[in-house]
């Protein structure tokens, strides 16, 4: 963890960090969650690679199912 990194983030900090490239570090940030010992932990991982992109794929599961049925025939 970088020395400058916060130990706690507000919900707005997390949204801001995830949505936009971290300007100070010029990194792309990924956010995840881990369940353990009855607790929920969130983590942020940043990569300082200008060529790295994060994309979100949204789809309708009904359309995917229909496509797969057509593909099987």
N, C-alpha and C. Protein backbone atom coordinates (compact mmCIF):
# COMPACT_ATOMS: atom_id res chain seq x y z
N UNK A 1 0.85 -1.17 0.00
CA UNK A 1 0.00 0.00 0.00
C UNK A 1 0.90 1.24 0.00
N UNK A 2 0.63 2.18 -0.90
CA UNK A 2 1.44 3.40 -0.92
C UNK A 2 1.30 4.17 0.38
N UNK A 3 2.35 4.85 0.76
CA UNK A 3 2.37 5.63 1.99
C UNK A 3 1.26 6.67 2.01
N UNK A 4 0.96 7.26 0.84
CA UNK A 4 -0.04 8.32 0.75
C UNK A 4 -1.47 7.80 0.79
N UNK A 5 -1.67 6.49 0.66
CA UNK A 5 -3.02 5.93 0.60
C UNK A 5 -3.75 6.12 1.92
N UNK A 6 -5.04 6.36 1.81
CA UNK A 6 -5.86 6.52 3.00
C UNK A 6 -6.11 5.15 3.63
N UNK A 7 -6.35 5.12 4.93
CA UNK A 7 -6.71 3.86 5.58
C UNK A 7 -8.23 3.69 5.62
N UNK A 8 -8.98 4.79 5.44
CA UNK A 8 -10.44 4.75 5.38
C UNK A 8 -10.90 5.67 4.26
N UNK A 9 -11.94 5.24 3.57
CA UNK A 9 -12.51 6.00 2.48
C UNK A 9 -14.00 6.24 2.72
N UNK A 10 -14.48 7.42 2.36
CA UNK A 10 -15.91 7.68 2.41
C UNK A 10 -16.54 7.03 1.18
N UNK A 11 -17.86 6.79 1.20
CA UNK A 11 -18.49 6.25 -0.01
C UNK A 11 -18.23 7.12 -1.24
N UNK A 12 -18.22 8.43 -1.08
CA UNK A 12 -17.96 9.31 -2.22
C UNK A 12 -16.52 9.17 -2.72
N UNK A 13 -15.56 8.97 -1.81
CA UNK A 13 -14.17 8.72 -2.22
C UNK A 13 -14.08 7.48 -3.09
N UNK A 14 -14.79 6.44 -2.68
CA UNK A 14 -14.73 5.17 -3.41
C UNK A 14 -15.33 5.33 -4.80
N UNK A 15 -16.48 5.98 -4.90
CA UNK A 15 -17.11 6.20 -6.20
C UNK A 15 -16.19 7.03 -7.09
N UNK A 16 -15.66 8.09 -6.57
CA UNK A 16 -14.77 8.98 -7.32
C UNK A 16 -13.52 8.24 -7.80
N UNK A 17 -12.93 7.45 -6.92
CA UNK A 17 -11.71 6.71 -7.26
C UNK A 17 -11.97 5.66 -8.32
N UNK A 18 -13.12 4.99 -8.22
CA UNK A 18 -13.45 3.94 -9.19
C UNK A 18 -13.84 4.52 -10.54
N UNK A 19 -14.62 5.57 -10.52
CA UNK A 19 -15.17 6.11 -11.76
C UNK A 19 -14.13 6.83 -12.62
N UNK A 20 -13.21 7.51 -11.97
CA UNK A 20 -12.22 8.30 -12.71
C UNK A 20 -10.81 7.80 -12.42
N UNK A 21 -9.93 7.98 -13.39
CA UNK A 21 -8.53 7.62 -13.19
C UNK A 21 -7.99 8.39 -12.00
N UNK A 22 -7.29 7.71 -11.13
CA UNK A 22 -6.70 8.35 -9.94
C UNK A 22 -5.65 9.34 -10.42
N UNK A 23 -5.95 10.63 -10.33
CA UNK A 23 -5.10 11.67 -10.94
C UNK A 23 -3.71 11.77 -10.31
N UNK A 24 -3.64 11.64 -8.99
CA UNK A 24 -2.34 11.79 -8.34
C UNK A 24 -1.38 10.64 -8.71
N UNK A 25 -1.92 9.45 -8.83
CA UNK A 25 -1.08 8.29 -9.12
C UNK A 25 -1.12 7.88 -10.58
N UNK A 26 -2.03 8.50 -11.36
CA UNK A 26 -2.23 8.11 -12.75
C UNK A 26 -2.43 6.61 -12.86
N UNK A 27 -3.36 6.09 -12.07
CA UNK A 27 -3.61 4.65 -12.07
C UNK A 27 -5.08 4.35 -12.29
N UNK A 28 -5.36 3.16 -12.79
CA UNK A 28 -6.71 2.66 -12.91
C UNK A 28 -6.99 1.80 -11.69
N UNK A 29 -8.11 2.07 -11.03
CA UNK A 29 -8.41 1.42 -9.76
C UNK A 29 -9.53 0.40 -9.94
N UNK A 30 -9.33 -0.77 -9.36
CA UNK A 30 -10.34 -1.82 -9.31
C UNK A 30 -10.76 -1.99 -7.85
N UNK A 31 -12.04 -2.23 -7.64
CA UNK A 31 -12.58 -2.36 -6.29
C UNK A 31 -13.23 -3.72 -6.16
N UNK A 32 -13.03 -4.36 -5.01
CA UNK A 32 -13.64 -5.65 -4.77
C UNK A 32 -14.06 -5.79 -3.32
N UNK A 33 -14.65 -6.93 -3.02
CA UNK A 33 -15.13 -7.19 -1.67
C UNK A 33 -14.80 -8.62 -1.28
N UNK A 34 -14.50 -8.82 -0.03
CA UNK A 34 -14.17 -10.15 0.50
C UNK A 34 -14.95 -10.34 1.80
N UNK A 35 -15.60 -11.49 1.94
CA UNK A 35 -16.28 -11.83 3.17
C UNK A 35 -15.39 -12.76 3.97
N UNK A 36 -15.27 -12.52 5.27
CA UNK A 36 -14.44 -13.37 6.12
C UNK A 36 -14.68 -13.10 7.58
N UNK A 37 -14.76 -14.17 8.35
CA UNK A 37 -14.97 -14.06 9.80
C UNK A 37 -16.19 -13.21 10.15
N UNK A 38 -17.25 -13.34 9.35
CA UNK A 38 -18.46 -12.58 9.62
C UNK A 38 -18.35 -11.10 9.29
N UNK A 39 -17.29 -10.68 8.63
CA UNK A 39 -17.08 -9.27 8.28
C UNK A 39 -17.02 -9.13 6.76
N UNK A 40 -17.36 -7.94 6.28
CA UNK A 40 -17.22 -7.60 4.86
C UNK A 40 -16.08 -6.60 4.72
N UNK A 41 -15.13 -6.92 3.87
CA UNK A 41 -13.98 -6.05 3.64
C UNK A 41 -13.99 -5.59 2.19
N UNK A 42 -13.76 -4.31 1.99
CA UNK A 42 -13.61 -3.77 0.64
C UNK A 42 -12.14 -3.50 0.39
N UNK A 43 -11.73 -3.68 -0.86
CA UNK A 43 -10.34 -3.39 -1.19
C UNK A 43 -10.26 -2.65 -2.51
N UNK A 44 -9.25 -1.84 -2.64
CA UNK A 44 -8.99 -1.08 -3.85
C UNK A 44 -7.59 -1.44 -4.33
N UNK A 45 -7.47 -1.74 -5.61
CA UNK A 45 -6.17 -2.07 -6.19
C UNK A 45 -5.96 -1.17 -7.40
N UNK A 46 -4.87 -0.42 -7.40
CA UNK A 46 -4.57 0.48 -8.51
C UNK A 46 -3.38 -0.01 -9.32
N UNK A 47 -3.48 0.16 -10.63
CA UNK A 47 -2.41 -0.23 -11.54
C UNK A 47 -1.93 1.01 -12.28
N UNK A 48 -0.64 1.29 -12.21
CA UNK A 48 -0.06 2.43 -12.91
C UNK A 48 0.38 2.01 -14.31
N UNK A 49 -0.59 1.71 -15.13
CA UNK A 49 -0.34 1.29 -16.50
C UNK A 49 -1.29 2.10 -17.38
N UNK A 50 -0.78 3.03 -18.14
CA UNK A 50 -1.63 3.89 -18.95
C UNK A 50 -2.36 3.13 -20.04
N UNK A 51 -1.90 1.93 -20.39
CA UNK A 51 -2.55 1.14 -21.42
C UNK A 51 -3.67 0.25 -20.87
N UNK A 52 -3.77 0.14 -19.56
CA UNK A 52 -4.78 -0.70 -18.93
C UNK A 52 -6.12 0.02 -18.94
N UNK A 53 -7.17 -0.69 -19.37
CA UNK A 53 -8.51 -0.13 -19.39
C UNK A 53 -9.44 -1.01 -18.59
N UNK A 54 -10.42 -0.39 -17.98
CA UNK A 54 -11.46 -1.12 -17.26
C UNK A 54 -12.76 -0.85 -17.99
N UNK A 55 -13.44 -1.91 -18.42
CA UNK A 55 -14.71 -1.78 -19.13
C UNK A 55 -15.77 -2.55 -18.37
N UNK A 56 -16.99 -2.06 -18.46
CA UNK A 56 -18.11 -2.72 -17.81
C UNK A 56 -19.02 -3.26 -18.90
N UNK A 57 -19.37 -4.52 -18.78
CA UNK A 57 -20.23 -5.19 -19.75
C UNK A 57 -21.60 -5.37 -19.10
N UNK A 58 -22.63 -4.85 -19.75
CA UNK A 58 -23.98 -4.99 -19.27
C UNK A 58 -24.78 -5.75 -20.32
N UNK A 59 -25.55 -6.74 -19.88
CA UNK A 59 -26.32 -7.52 -20.83
C UNK A 59 -27.61 -8.02 -20.19
N UNK A 60 -28.56 -8.36 -21.03
CA UNK A 60 -29.85 -8.92 -20.60
C UNK A 60 -29.71 -10.44 -20.67
N UNK A 61 -29.80 -11.11 -19.55
CA UNK A 61 -29.59 -12.56 -19.49
C UNK A 61 -30.58 -13.31 -20.39
N UNK A 62 -31.77 -12.73 -20.61
CA UNK A 62 -32.74 -13.38 -21.50
C UNK A 62 -32.23 -13.40 -22.93
N UNK A 63 -31.60 -12.30 -23.34
CA UNK A 63 -31.06 -12.22 -24.70
C UNK A 63 -29.90 -13.20 -24.87
N UNK A 64 -29.06 -13.33 -23.86
CA UNK A 64 -27.94 -14.27 -23.93
C UNK A 64 -28.48 -15.69 -24.04
N UNK A 65 -29.48 -16.02 -23.21
CA UNK A 65 -30.08 -17.35 -23.27
C UNK A 65 -30.69 -17.63 -24.64
N UNK A 66 -31.38 -16.65 -25.21
CA UNK A 66 -31.97 -16.80 -26.54
C UNK A 66 -30.89 -17.01 -27.59
N UNK A 67 -29.82 -16.25 -27.51
CA UNK A 67 -28.71 -16.38 -28.45
C UNK A 67 -28.08 -17.78 -28.37
N UNK A 68 -27.90 -18.28 -27.14
CA UNK A 68 -27.30 -19.60 -26.98
C UNK A 68 -28.21 -20.70 -27.51
N UNK A 69 -29.52 -20.54 -27.35
CA UNK A 69 -30.45 -21.54 -27.89
C UNK A 69 -30.41 -21.57 -29.39
N UNK A 70 -30.33 -20.40 -30.01
CA UNK A 70 -30.25 -20.34 -31.48
C UNK A 70 -28.94 -20.95 -31.96
N UNK A 71 -27.87 -20.69 -31.23
CA UNK A 71 -26.55 -21.20 -31.60
C UNK A 71 -26.45 -22.72 -31.49
N UNK A 72 -27.29 -23.34 -30.64
CA UNK A 72 -27.22 -24.79 -30.44
C UNK A 72 -27.90 -25.54 -31.56
N UNK A 73 -28.82 -24.91 -32.30
CA UNK A 73 -29.60 -25.61 -33.34
C UNK A 73 -28.80 -25.79 -34.59
